[in-house]
Amino acid sequence: MTRVLVVDDNTRNRKLARDVLDAAGFDTLEAATGVEALELAAEHEPDVILLDLRLPDMHGVEVVRQLREGEGTARIPVVAMSAISLREQSDWLETAGFAGSLDKPINVRAFPDQVRRFCTGSGG
């Protein structure tokens, strides 16, 4: 089963992503802070991480930088999630270490397939 770590300080955003992904057959983990995300990623090595850029304790870019330095987390695809469209900033995202981006609010019908595109595993 494909494991997804959803990182967002907004409880509603995390719950919506979790509910949609769980219904589509994914196994989900949740974090509300960058520190929590780093700990869960190191412990569980998810297939993909969905990462809000603005977290209460650190910026998403710093989370990605630390993930890239970890032995078990360096190759996990990290997808930036933001209410501001990041499509025009793909070069910046790639340089920062992101695999891509998804816009919030999520489109619940398209979301599972969007997430599968980034997975390193079998795809939920």
N, C-alpha and C. Protein backbone atom coordinates (compact mmCIF):
# COMPACT_ATOMS: atom_id res chain seq x y z
N MET A 1 0.84 -1.18 0.00
CA MET A 1 0.00 0.00 0.00
C MET A 1 0.89 1.25 0.00
N THR A 2 0.53 2.20 -0.81
CA THR A 2 1.30 3.43 -0.91
C THR A 2 1.05 4.33 0.29
N ARG A 3 2.14 4.80 0.91
CA ARG A 3 2.04 5.63 2.11
C ARG A 3 2.34 7.09 1.73
N VAL A 4 1.45 7.99 2.17
CA VAL A 4 1.58 9.42 1.89
C VAL A 4 1.63 10.17 3.21
N LEU A 5 2.61 11.05 3.35
CA LEU A 5 2.69 11.94 4.49
C LEU A 5 2.13 13.30 4.08
N VAL A 6 1.06 13.71 4.74
CA VAL A 6 0.41 15.00 4.48
C VAL A 6 0.87 15.97 5.56
N VAL A 7 1.51 17.06 5.15
CA VAL A 7 2.04 18.04 6.09
C VAL A 7 1.36 19.38 5.84
N ASP A 8 0.55 19.79 6.81
CA ASP A 8 -0.17 21.06 6.71
C ASP A 8 -0.58 21.48 8.11
N ASP A 9 -0.39 22.74 8.45
CA ASP A 9 -0.77 23.20 9.79
C ASP A 9 -2.27 23.45 9.90
N ASN A 10 -2.99 23.43 8.78
CA ASN A 10 -4.44 23.61 8.79
C ASN A 10 -5.11 22.25 8.94
N THR A 11 -5.79 22.05 10.06
CA THR A 11 -6.42 20.77 10.37
C THR A 11 -7.41 20.35 9.29
N ARG A 12 -8.19 21.27 8.80
CA ARG A 12 -9.19 20.94 7.75
C ARG A 12 -8.52 20.47 6.47
N ASN A 13 -7.45 21.13 6.07
CA ASN A 13 -6.74 20.71 4.86
C ASN A 13 -6.18 19.31 5.01
N ARG A 14 -5.58 19.03 6.19
CA ARG A 14 -5.05 17.68 6.43
C ARG A 14 -6.14 16.64 6.41
N LYS A 15 -7.26 16.92 7.07
CA LYS A 15 -8.36 15.96 7.13
C LYS A 15 -8.93 15.69 5.75
N LEU A 16 -9.13 16.73 4.93
CA LEU A 16 -9.66 16.53 3.58
C LEU A 16 -8.72 15.67 2.76
N ALA A 17 -7.43 15.99 2.78
CA ALA A 17 -6.45 15.20 2.01
C ALA A 17 -6.44 13.75 2.50
N ARG A 18 -6.42 13.57 3.83
CA ARG A 18 -6.42 12.21 4.40
C ARG A 18 -7.65 11.45 3.99
N ASP A 19 -8.83 12.05 4.12
CA ASP A 19 -10.07 11.35 3.80
C ASP A 19 -10.12 10.94 2.33
N VAL A 20 -9.72 11.85 1.44
CA VAL A 20 -9.74 11.54 0.01
C VAL A 20 -8.74 10.44 -0.32
N LEU A 21 -7.54 10.53 0.24
CA LEU A 21 -6.52 9.52 -0.05
C LEU A 21 -6.85 8.17 0.59
N ASP A 22 -7.36 8.18 1.81
CA ASP A 22 -7.77 6.92 2.45
C ASP A 22 -8.84 6.21 1.62
N ALA A 23 -9.81 6.98 1.13
CA ALA A 23 -10.90 6.40 0.31
C ALA A 23 -10.36 5.81 -0.99
N ALA A 24 -9.24 6.35 -1.47
CA ALA A 24 -8.64 5.86 -2.71
C ALA A 24 -7.64 4.72 -2.47
N GLY A 25 -7.50 4.27 -1.21
CA GLY A 25 -6.66 3.13 -0.92
C GLY A 25 -5.24 3.45 -0.48
N PHE A 26 -4.94 4.70 -0.21
CA PHE A 26 -3.63 5.08 0.29
C PHE A 26 -3.58 4.90 1.81
N ASP A 27 -2.39 4.74 2.33
CA ASP A 27 -2.13 4.78 3.76
C ASP A 27 -1.58 6.17 4.04
N THR A 28 -2.18 6.91 4.98
CA THR A 28 -1.76 8.28 5.20
C THR A 28 -1.21 8.50 6.60
N LEU A 29 -0.26 9.41 6.67
CA LEU A 29 0.29 9.93 7.92
C LEU A 29 0.08 11.44 7.87
N GLU A 30 0.00 12.07 9.04
CA GLU A 30 -0.23 13.51 9.08
C GLU A 30 0.75 14.20 10.01
N ALA A 31 1.16 15.40 9.61
CA ALA A 31 2.00 16.24 10.44
C ALA A 31 1.52 17.68 10.32
N ALA A 32 1.63 18.42 11.42
CA ALA A 32 1.21 19.83 11.44
C ALA A 32 2.39 20.79 11.44
N THR A 33 3.60 20.27 11.65
CA THR A 33 4.79 21.12 11.70
C THR A 33 5.91 20.49 10.88
N GLY A 34 6.93 21.29 10.60
CA GLY A 34 8.09 20.77 9.89
C GLY A 34 8.85 19.74 10.70
N VAL A 35 9.01 19.99 11.99
CA VAL A 35 9.73 19.04 12.86
C VAL A 35 9.00 17.71 12.89
N GLU A 36 7.68 17.76 13.05
CA GLU A 36 6.89 16.52 13.06
C GLU A 36 7.02 15.79 11.72
N ALA A 37 7.01 16.54 10.62
CA ALA A 37 7.15 15.93 9.29
C ALA A 37 8.49 15.22 9.15
N LEU A 38 9.55 15.87 9.60
CA LEU A 38 10.88 15.26 9.51
C LEU A 38 10.96 13.98 10.32
N GLU A 39 10.38 13.99 11.51
CA GLU A 39 10.38 12.80 12.37
C GLU A 39 9.59 11.66 11.73
N LEU A 40 8.38 11.96 11.24
CA LEU A 40 7.55 10.91 10.62
C LEU A 40 8.19 10.38 9.34
N ALA A 41 8.78 11.26 8.55
CA ALA A 41 9.42 10.83 7.30
C ALA A 41 10.58 9.89 7.60
N ALA A 42 11.39 10.22 8.60
CA ALA A 42 12.53 9.37 8.95
C ALA A 42 12.07 8.02 9.49
N GLU A 43 10.99 8.03 10.27
CA GLU A 43 10.51 6.79 10.88
C GLU A 43 9.79 5.88 9.89
N HIS A 44 8.97 6.46 9.00
CA HIS A 44 8.10 5.66 8.13
C HIS A 44 8.51 5.62 6.66
N GLU A 45 9.41 6.50 6.23
CA GLU A 45 9.85 6.58 4.84
C GLU A 45 8.68 6.44 3.85
N PRO A 46 7.78 7.42 3.85
CA PRO A 46 6.61 7.35 2.96
C PRO A 46 7.01 7.38 1.48
N ASP A 47 6.08 6.99 0.64
CA ASP A 47 6.33 6.98 -0.81
C ASP A 47 6.32 8.38 -1.40
N VAL A 48 5.61 9.29 -0.75
CA VAL A 48 5.55 10.68 -1.20
C VAL A 48 5.15 11.55 -0.01
N ILE A 49 5.62 12.80 -0.03
CA ILE A 49 5.27 13.77 1.01
C ILE A 49 4.58 14.96 0.34
N LEU A 50 3.40 15.30 0.83
CA LEU A 50 2.66 16.48 0.37
C LEU A 50 2.90 17.56 1.41
N LEU A 51 3.58 18.64 1.04
CA LEU A 51 4.12 19.59 2.00
C LEU A 51 3.61 21.00 1.75
N ASP A 52 2.87 21.52 2.72
CA ASP A 52 2.49 22.93 2.71
C ASP A 52 3.77 23.75 2.88
N LEU A 53 3.88 24.85 2.16
CA LEU A 53 5.11 25.65 2.24
C LEU A 53 5.21 26.48 3.50
N ARG A 54 4.07 26.93 4.01
CA ARG A 54 4.07 27.79 5.20
C ARG A 54 3.63 27.00 6.43
N LEU A 55 4.61 26.65 7.23
CA LEU A 55 4.36 25.91 8.46
C LEU A 55 4.73 26.81 9.64
N PRO A 56 4.19 26.54 10.82
CA PRO A 56 4.42 27.43 11.95
C PRO A 56 5.87 27.45 12.44
N ASP A 57 6.62 26.38 12.22
CA ASP A 57 7.97 26.32 12.77
C ASP A 57 9.09 26.49 11.74
N MET A 58 8.80 26.24 10.47
CA MET A 58 9.82 26.43 9.42
C MET A 58 9.15 26.45 8.05
N HIS A 59 9.85 27.01 7.10
CA HIS A 59 9.35 27.06 5.73
C HIS A 59 9.53 25.69 5.07
N GLY A 60 8.66 25.37 4.14
CA GLY A 60 8.74 24.09 3.44
C GLY A 60 10.07 23.84 2.76
N VAL A 61 10.72 24.90 2.28
CA VAL A 61 12.02 24.75 1.64
C VAL A 61 13.05 24.20 2.63
N GLU A 62 12.99 24.63 3.87
CA GLU A 62 13.90 24.14 4.90
C GLU A 62 13.60 22.67 5.21
N VAL A 63 12.32 22.30 5.22
CA VAL A 63 11.94 20.90 5.45
C VAL A 63 12.55 20.03 4.34
N VAL A 64 12.41 20.46 3.10
CA VAL A 64 12.95 19.69 1.97
C VAL A 64 14.47 19.58 2.08
N ARG A 65 15.13 20.67 2.42
CA ARG A 65 16.58 20.66 2.55
C ARG A 65 17.02 19.59 3.58
N GLN A 66 16.33 19.56 4.70
CA GLN A 66 16.69 18.58 5.74
C GLN A 66 16.34 17.16 5.30
N LEU A 67 15.24 16.99 4.58
CA LEU A 67 14.90 15.66 4.06
C LEU A 67 15.98 15.16 3.10
N ARG A 68 16.48 16.04 2.25
CA ARG A 68 17.50 15.67 1.27
C ARG A 68 18.81 15.26 1.94
N GLU A 69 19.04 15.74 3.16
CA GLU A 69 20.25 15.39 3.90
C GLU A 69 20.12 14.07 4.64
N GLY A 70 18.91 13.56 4.79
CA GLY A 70 18.70 12.31 5.52
C GLY A 70 18.95 11.09 4.66
N GLU A 71 19.57 10.10 5.24
CA GLU A 71 19.89 8.88 4.49
C GLU A 71 18.64 8.18 3.98
N GLY A 72 17.64 8.02 4.84
CA GLY A 72 16.42 7.31 4.45
C GLY A 72 15.39 8.18 3.77
N THR A 73 15.57 9.50 3.81
CA THR A 73 14.55 10.40 3.27
C THR A 73 14.99 11.16 2.02
N ALA A 74 16.23 11.02 1.64
CA ALA A 74 16.79 11.82 0.54
C ALA A 74 16.07 11.62 -0.79
N ARG A 75 15.55 10.44 -1.04
CA ARG A 75 14.94 10.15 -2.34
C ARG A 75 13.40 10.20 -2.35
N ILE A 76 12.80 10.55 -1.23
CA ILE A 76 11.34 10.62 -1.17
C ILE A 76 10.87 11.84 -1.96
N PRO A 77 9.97 11.66 -2.92
CA PRO A 77 9.44 12.81 -3.65
C PRO A 77 8.63 13.71 -2.71
N VAL A 78 8.90 15.01 -2.77
CA VAL A 78 8.18 15.98 -1.95
C VAL A 78 7.44 16.91 -2.90
N VAL A 79 6.13 17.02 -2.68
CA VAL A 79 5.27 17.84 -3.52
C VAL A 79 4.84 19.07 -2.73
N ALA A 80 5.14 20.24 -3.25
CA ALA A 80 4.73 21.49 -2.61
C ALA A 80 3.23 21.67 -2.78
N MET A 81 2.57 22.06 -1.70
CA MET A 81 1.14 22.36 -1.77
C MET A 81 0.94 23.78 -1.29
N SER A 82 0.22 24.56 -2.10
CA SER A 82 0.05 25.97 -1.76
C SER A 82 -1.25 26.49 -2.34
N ALA A 83 -1.84 27.47 -1.65
CA ALA A 83 -3.03 28.14 -2.15
C ALA A 83 -2.65 29.08 -3.30
N ILE A 84 -1.37 29.41 -3.42
CA ILE A 84 -0.87 30.23 -4.51
C ILE A 84 -0.34 29.28 -5.57
N SER A 85 -0.82 29.39 -6.80
CA SER A 85 -0.38 28.50 -7.86
C SER A 85 1.13 28.59 -8.06
N LEU A 86 1.78 27.44 -8.09
CA LEU A 86 3.23 27.39 -8.24
C LEU A 86 3.66 26.89 -9.61
N ARG A 87 2.72 26.71 -10.51
CA ARG A 87 3.05 26.15 -11.83
C ARG A 87 4.08 26.99 -12.57
N GLU A 88 3.99 28.30 -12.42
CA GLU A 88 4.93 29.19 -13.12
C GLU A 88 6.29 29.22 -12.44
N GLN A 89 6.42 28.57 -11.30
CA GLN A 89 7.67 28.59 -10.53
C GLN A 89 8.35 27.23 -10.49
N SER A 90 8.15 26.43 -11.52
CA SER A 90 8.66 25.06 -11.50
C SER A 90 10.18 25.00 -11.40
N ASP A 91 10.89 25.96 -12.00
CA ASP A 91 12.36 25.96 -11.91
C ASP A 91 12.80 26.16 -10.47
N TRP A 92 12.18 27.12 -9.79
CA TRP A 92 12.50 27.40 -8.40
C TRP A 92 12.20 26.18 -7.53
N LEU A 93 11.07 25.54 -7.76
CA LEU A 93 10.70 24.37 -6.98
C LEU A 93 11.69 23.23 -7.17
N GLU A 94 12.06 22.98 -8.42
CA GLU A 94 13.00 21.90 -8.71
C GLU A 94 14.36 22.17 -8.06
N THR A 95 14.82 23.41 -8.14
CA THR A 95 16.08 23.79 -7.52
C THR A 95 16.03 23.58 -6.01
N ALA A 96 14.87 23.86 -5.40
CA ALA A 96 14.71 23.70 -3.95
C ALA A 96 14.58 22.24 -3.54
N GLY A 97 14.37 21.34 -4.51
CA GLY A 97 14.29 19.91 -4.19
C GLY A 97 12.91 19.30 -4.25
N PHE A 98 11.93 20.06 -4.74
CA PHE A 98 10.57 19.53 -4.85
C PHE A 98 10.40 18.74 -6.14
N ALA A 99 9.54 17.71 -6.09
CA ALA A 99 9.23 16.91 -7.27
C ALA A 99 8.17 17.59 -8.14
N GLY A 100 7.46 18.54 -7.57
CA GLY A 100 6.40 19.24 -8.29
C GLY A 100 5.51 19.95 -7.30
N SER A 101 4.32 20.35 -7.77
CA SER A 101 3.41 21.08 -6.89
C SER A 101 1.96 20.73 -7.19
N LEU A 102 1.12 20.94 -6.20
CA LEU A 102 -0.33 20.81 -6.32
C LEU A 102 -0.95 22.04 -5.69
N ASP A 103 -2.02 22.51 -6.31
CA ASP A 103 -2.70 23.69 -5.80
C ASP A 103 -3.73 23.32 -4.74
N LYS A 104 -3.89 24.22 -3.77
CA LYS A 104 -4.97 24.11 -2.80
C LYS A 104 -5.96 25.22 -3.11
N PRO A 105 -7.23 24.98 -2.92
CA PRO A 105 -7.80 23.74 -2.40
C PRO A 105 -7.70 22.61 -3.43
N ILE A 106 -7.64 21.41 -2.92
CA ILE A 106 -7.49 20.25 -3.81
C ILE A 106 -8.80 19.98 -4.54
N ASN A 107 -8.67 19.38 -5.71
CA ASN A 107 -9.81 18.88 -6.47
C ASN A 107 -9.97 17.43 -6.04
N VAL A 108 -11.01 17.14 -5.26
CA VAL A 108 -11.13 15.81 -4.65
C VAL A 108 -11.21 14.68 -5.67
N ARG A 109 -11.76 14.95 -6.84
CA ARG A 109 -11.84 13.89 -7.86
C ARG A 109 -10.47 13.60 -8.47
N ALA A 110 -9.69 14.63 -8.71
CA ALA A 110 -8.40 14.46 -9.38
C ALA A 110 -7.26 14.14 -8.42
N PHE A 111 -7.42 14.48 -7.16
CA PHE A 111 -6.34 14.40 -6.18
C PHE A 111 -5.64 13.04 -6.09
N PRO A 112 -6.36 11.93 -5.96
CA PRO A 112 -5.65 10.64 -5.85
C PRO A 112 -4.74 10.35 -7.04
N ASP A 113 -5.21 10.63 -8.25
CA ASP A 113 -4.37 10.39 -9.43
C ASP A 113 -3.20 11.36 -9.48
N GLN A 114 -3.42 12.60 -9.05
CA GLN A 114 -2.32 13.57 -9.01
C GLN A 114 -1.23 13.07 -8.06
N VAL A 115 -1.63 12.56 -6.92
CA VAL A 115 -0.66 12.07 -5.94
C VAL A 115 0.06 10.84 -6.47
N ARG A 116 -0.66 9.94 -7.11
CA ARG A 116 -0.04 8.71 -7.67
C ARG A 116 1.09 9.04 -8.63
N ARG A 117 0.95 10.11 -9.39
CA ARG A 117 1.99 10.49 -10.36
C ARG A 117 3.34 10.73 -9.70
N PHE A 118 3.32 11.13 -8.43
CA PHE A 118 4.56 11.45 -7.74
C PHE A 118 5.13 10.29 -6.92
N CYS A 119 4.37 9.22 -6.78
CA CYS A 119 4.77 8.13 -5.89
C CYS A 119 5.93 7.32 -6.46
N THR A 120 6.79 6.88 -5.56
CA THR A 120 7.91 6.02 -5.96
C THR A 120 7.50 4.56 -5.92
N GLY A 121 6.42 4.26 -5.19
CA GLY A 121 5.98 2.87 -5.02
C GLY A 121 5.03 2.45 -6.12
N SER A 122 4.15 1.54 -5.80
CA SER A 122 3.23 0.94 -6.78
C SER A 122 2.07 1.84 -7.14
N GLY A 123 1.79 2.88 -6.37
CA GLY A 123 0.77 3.82 -6.77
C GLY A 123 -0.57 3.62 -6.13
N GLY A 124 -0.63 3.15 -4.91
CA GLY A 124 -1.87 3.09 -4.12
C GLY A 124 -2.90 2.24 -4.69
